Amino acid sequence: TQSTGRNLESMMSMFLELDTNRDEKVDTSELKRAFDRKNLSGSDVTYFLSKFDTNRDGTVTMGEFSRGLGVDIEEMRKIRDMLLRQKAGRHDPLPSDFSVVSSSMPLDSQRRIAEKFRSLYSRTSHIDTNGVAIEMKRY
């Protein structure tokens, strides 16, 4: 569902935010600092570790986190890189005739999706929006 996708994006963004030194690991100190900043409890830290630290070494690797979410680690790395480019202001803007109401998706992904939509829509009769919707789902 759409809310599941947004939650997944939020979880991926959260991991990337927690990994302050960009070593693809969230150790206990990074986790506790982040949870202190967000005013969360120790039980939240414990829950996070129990959910994602599969080898119980006190560190959640990007691989463990990705597997816990059912996401390919290479996809996580792409999203990390897009988010970092976006944060640094080094991303291509969306086409001027597109607008996004709300999304935590990186702008580079939004731009690629907008370009795909434009390409599909321009190749079909404007009456066949169902065909465009089917192709967008596949994309």
C-alpha atoms as a PDB file:
ATOM      1  CA  THR A   1       0.000   0.000   0.000  1.00  0.00           C
ATOM      2  CA  GLN A   2       1.003   3.625  -0.305  1.00  0.00           C
ATOM      3  CA  SER A   3       1.442   4.105   3.453  1.00  0.00           C
ATOM      4  CA  THR A   4       3.727   1.054   3.581  1.00  0.00           C
ATOM      5  CA  GLY A   5       5.924   2.659   0.912  1.00  0.00           C
ATOM      6  CA  ARG A   6       6.116   5.892   2.856  1.00  0.00           C
ATOM      7  CA  ASN A   7       7.004   3.992   6.045  1.00  0.00           C
ATOM      8  CA  LEU A   8       9.736   2.109   4.198  1.00  0.00           C
ATOM      9  CA  GLU A   9      11.164   5.367   2.835  1.00  0.00           C
ATOM     10  CA  SER A  10      11.058   6.868   6.330  1.00  0.00           C
ATOM     11  CA  MET A  11      12.822   3.836   7.819  1.00  0.00           C
ATOM     12  CA  MET A  12      15.540   3.973   5.169  1.00  0.00           C
ATOM     13  CA  SER A  13      16.006   7.710   5.735  1.00  0.00           C
ATOM     14  CA  MET A  14      16.181   7.101   9.484  1.00  0.00           C
ATOM     15  CA  PHE A  15      18.992   4.547   9.122  1.00  0.00           C
ATOM     16  CA  LEU A  16      20.904   6.885   6.851  1.00  0.00           C
ATOM     17  CA  GLU A  17      20.444   9.694   9.384  1.00  0.00           C
ATOM     18  CA  LEU A  18      21.653   7.458  12.231  1.00  0.00           C
ATOM     19  CA  ASP A  19      24.785   6.382  10.350  1.00  0.00           C
ATOM     20  CA  THR A  20      26.564   9.675  11.041  1.00  0.00           C
ATOM     21  CA  ASN A  21      30.038   8.499   9.992  1.00  0.00           C
ATOM     22  CA  ARG A  22      28.754   6.802   6.779  1.00  0.00           C
ATOM     23  CA  ASP A  23      30.389   3.447   7.524  1.00  0.00           C
ATOM     24  CA  GLU A  24      27.157   1.559   6.754  1.00  0.00           C
ATOM     25  CA  LYS A  25      26.794   0.640  10.416  1.00  0.00           C
ATOM     26  CA  VAL A  26      24.785   2.073  13.282  1.00  0.00           C
ATOM     27  CA  ASP A  27      26.586   1.325  16.501  1.00  0.00           C
ATOM     28  CA  THR A  28      25.191   1.702  19.996  1.00  0.00           C
ATOM     29  CA  SER A  29      26.714   5.167  20.512  1.00  0.00           C
ATOM     30  CA  GLU A  30      25.242   6.537  17.252  1.00  0.00           C
ATOM     31  CA  LEU A  31      21.916   4.985  18.149  1.00  0.00           C
ATOM     32  CA  LYS A  32      21.825   6.384  21.688  1.00  0.00           C
ATOM     33  CA  ARG A  33      22.863   9.895  20.551  1.00  0.00           C
ATOM     34  CA  ALA A  34      20.107   9.914  17.934  1.00  0.00           C
ATOM     35  CA  PHE A  35      17.495   8.611  20.339  1.00  0.00           C
ATOM     36  CA  ASP A  36      18.579  11.223  22.935  1.00  0.00           C
ATOM     37  CA  ARG A  37      18.176  13.999  20.342  1.00  0.00           C
ATOM     38  CA  LYS A  38      14.701  12.728  19.498  1.00  0.00           C
ATOM     39  CA  ASN A  39      13.832  12.217  23.175  1.00  0.00           C
ATOM     40  CA  LEU A  40      13.072   8.500  22.802  1.00  0.00           C
ATOM     41  CA  SER A  41      13.388   5.890  25.526  1.00  0.00           C
ATOM     42  CA  GLY A  42      15.944   3.162  26.103  1.00  0.00           C
ATOM     43  CA  SER A  43      13.270   0.631  25.235  1.00  0.00           C
ATOM     44  CA  ASP A  44      13.142   2.166  21.736  1.00  0.00           C
ATOM     45  CA  VAL A  45      16.894   1.542  21.383  1.00  0.00           C
ATOM     46  CA  THR A  46      16.421  -2.021  22.643  1.00  0.00           C
ATOM     47  CA  TYR A  47      13.555  -2.609  20.212  1.00  0.00           C
ATOM     48  CA  PHE A  48      15.587  -1.278  17.262  1.00  0.00           C
ATOM     49  CA  LEU A  49      18.521  -3.535  18.139  1.00  0.00           C
ATOM     50  CA  SER A  50      16.306  -6.593  18.703  1.00  0.00           C
ATOM     51  CA  LYS A  51      14.573  -6.036  15.359  1.00  0.00           C
ATOM     52  CA  PHE A  52      17.628  -5.403  13.191  1.00  0.00           C
ATOM     53  CA  ASP A  53      20.815  -6.579  14.962  1.00  0.00           C
ATOM     54  CA  THR A  54      20.514 -10.159  13.765  1.00  0.00           C
ATOM     55  CA  ASN A  55      23.954 -11.308  14.946  1.00  0.00           C
ATOM     56  CA  ARG A  56      23.521  -9.521  18.318  1.00  0.00           C
ATOM     57  CA  ASP A  57      26.864  -7.702  18.230  1.00  0.00           C
ATOM     58  CA  GLY A  58      25.415  -4.316  19.246  1.00  0.00           C
ATOM     59  CA  THR A  59      25.763  -2.890  15.727  1.00  0.00           C
ATOM     60  CA  VAL A  60      23.170  -2.782  12.973  1.00  0.00           C
ATOM     61  CA  THR A  61      24.827  -2.980   9.573  1.00  0.00           C
ATOM     62  CA  MET A  62      23.169  -1.661   6.455  1.00  0.00           C
ATOM     63  CA  GLY A  63      22.928  -5.290   5.312  1.00  0.00           C
ATOM     64  CA  GLU A  64      21.079  -6.340   8.473  1.00  0.00           C
ATOM     65  CA  PHE A  65      18.805  -3.322   8.250  1.00  0.00           C
ATOM     66  CA  SER A  66      18.103  -3.893   4.552  1.00  0.00           C
ATOM     67  CA  ARG A  67      17.276  -7.568   5.114  1.00  0.00           C
ATOM     68  CA  GLY A  68      14.996  -6.616   8.020  1.00  0.00           C
ATOM     69  CA  LEU A  69      13.058  -4.322   5.698  1.00  0.00           C
ATOM     70  CA  GLY A  70      13.162  -6.713   2.746  1.00  0.00           C
ATOM     71  CA  VAL A  71      15.138  -4.231   0.641  1.00  0.00           C
ATOM     72  CA  ASP A  72      18.210  -4.963  -1.475  1.00  0.00           C
ATOM     73  CA  ILE A  73      21.344  -3.391   0.010  1.00  0.00           C
ATOM     74  CA  GLU A  74      22.305  -1.903  -3.365  1.00  0.00           C
ATOM     75  CA  GLU A  75      18.942  -0.122  -3.459  1.00  0.00           C
ATOM     76  CA  MET A  76      19.686   1.253   0.043  1.00  0.00           C
ATOM     77  CA  ARG A  77      23.045   2.520  -1.178  1.00  0.00           C
ATOM     78  CA  LYS A  78      21.428   4.232  -4.181  1.00  0.00           C
ATOM     79  CA  ILE A  79      18.895   5.912  -1.903  1.00  0.00           C
ATOM     80  CA  ARG A  80      21.665   6.948   0.508  1.00  0.00           C
ATOM     81  CA  ASP A  81      23.628   8.525  -2.337  1.00  0.00           C
ATOM     82  CA  MET A  82      20.549  10.310  -3.687  1.00  0.00           C
ATOM     83  CA  LEU A  83      19.673  11.664  -0.237  1.00  0.00           C
ATOM     84  CA  LEU A  84      23.231  12.892   0.295  1.00  0.00           C
ATOM     85  CA  ARG A  85      23.273  14.620  -3.121  1.00  0.00           C
ATOM     86  CA  GLN A  86      19.901  16.172  -2.348  1.00  0.00           C
ATOM     87  CA  LYS A  87      21.079  17.395   1.056  1.00  0.00           C
ATOM     88  CA  ALA A  88      24.143  18.957  -0.579  1.00  0.00           C
ATOM     89  CA  GLY A  89      21.935  20.635  -3.208  1.00  0.00           C
ATOM     90  CA  ARG A  90      23.463  18.596  -6.050  1.00  0.00           C
ATOM     91  CA  HIS A  91      20.368  17.153  -7.677  1.00  0.00           C
ATOM     92  CA  ASP A  92      18.477  17.840 -10.849  1.00  0.00           C
ATOM     93  CA  PRO A  93      15.172  19.607 -10.208  1.00  0.00           C
ATOM     94  CA  LEU A  94      11.800  18.196 -11.159  1.00  0.00           C
ATOM     95  CA  PRO A  95      10.424  19.349 -14.500  1.00  0.00           C
ATOM     96  CA  SER A  96       8.747  22.725 -14.010  1.00  0.00           C
ATOM     97  CA  ASP A  97       5.334  21.397 -15.039  1.00  0.00           C
ATOM     98  CA  PHE A  98       5.359  18.696 -12.308  1.00  0.00           C
ATOM     99  CA  SER A  99       4.715  19.087  -8.627  1.00  0.00           C
ATOM    100  CA  VAL A 100       4.796  16.616  -5.772  1.00  0.00           C
ATOM    101  CA  VAL A 101       2.289  17.058  -2.988  1.00  0.00           C
ATOM    102  CA  SER A 102       4.188  15.049  -0.362  1.00  0.00           C
ATOM    103  CA  SER A 103       7.007  12.534  -0.498  1.00  0.00           C
ATOM    104  CA  SER A 104      10.067  11.491   1.448  1.00  0.00           C
ATOM    105  CA  MET A 105      11.405   9.960  -1.780  1.00  0.00           C
ATOM    106  CA  PRO A 106      14.694  11.501  -2.932  1.00  0.00           C
ATOM    107  CA  LEU A 107      14.261  14.195  -5.588  1.00  0.00           C
ATOM    108  CA  ASP A 108      16.373  12.255  -8.099  1.00  0.00           C
ATOM    109  CA  SER A 109      13.857   9.389  -7.895  1.00  0.00           C
ATOM    110  CA  GLN A 110      10.935  11.792  -8.218  1.00  0.00           C
ATOM    111  CA  ARG A 111      12.541  13.324 -11.311  1.00  0.00           C
ATOM    112  CA  ARG A 112      13.137   9.905 -12.935  1.00  0.00           C
ATOM    113  CA  ILE A 113       9.525   8.898 -12.277  1.00  0.00           C
ATOM    114  CA  ALA A 114       8.221  12.189 -13.682  1.00  0.00           C
ATOM    115  CA  GLU A 115      10.324  11.730 -16.822  1.00  0.00           C
ATOM    116  CA  LYS A 116       9.096   8.145 -17.241  1.00  0.00           C
ATOM    117  CA  PHE A 117       5.490   9.299 -16.869  1.00  0.00           C
ATOM    118  CA  ARG A 118       5.985  12.052 -19.438  1.00  0.00           C
ATOM    119  CA  SER A 119       7.568   9.585 -21.864  1.00  0.00           C
ATOM    120  CA  LEU A 120       4.755   7.046 -21.486  1.00  0.00           C
ATOM    121  CA  TYR A 121       2.015   9.671 -21.645  1.00  0.00           C
ATOM    122  CA  SER A 122       3.417  11.278 -24.785  1.00  0.00           C
ATOM    123  CA  ARG A 123       3.596   7.902 -26.602  1.00  0.00           C
ATOM    124  CA  THR A 124      -0.026   6.899 -25.942  1.00  0.00           C
ATOM    125  CA  SER A 125      -3.361   8.366 -26.802  1.00  0.00           C
ATOM    126  CA  HIS A 126      -4.355  10.646 -23.960  1.00  0.00           C
ATOM    127  CA  ILE A 127      -7.478   8.545 -23.557  1.00  0.00           C
ATOM    128  CA  ASP A 128      -5.497   5.413 -22.568  1.00  0.00           C
ATOM    129  CA  THR A 129      -4.458   6.524 -19.077  1.00  0.00           C
ATOM    130  CA  ASN A 130      -5.038   2.981 -17.784  1.00  0.00           C
ATOM    131  CA  GLY A 131      -2.188   1.726 -19.979  1.00  0.00           C
ATOM    132  CA  VAL A 132       0.059   4.472 -18.634  1.00  0.00           C
ATOM    133  CA  ALA A 133      -0.887   3.523 -15.055  1.00  0.00           C
ATOM    134  CA  ILE A 134      -0.061  -0.140 -15.707  1.00  0.00           C
ATOM    135  CA  GLU A 135       3.334   0.760 -17.177  1.00  0.00           C
ATOM    136  CA  MET A 136       4.095   3.094 -14.255  1.00  0.00           C
ATOM    137  CA  LYS A 137       3.364   0.293 -11.789  1.00  0.00           C
ATOM    138  CA  ARG A 138       5.801  -1.944 -13.663  1.00  0.00           C
ATOM    139  CA  TYR A 139       8.419   0.780 -13.637  1.00  0.00           C
END
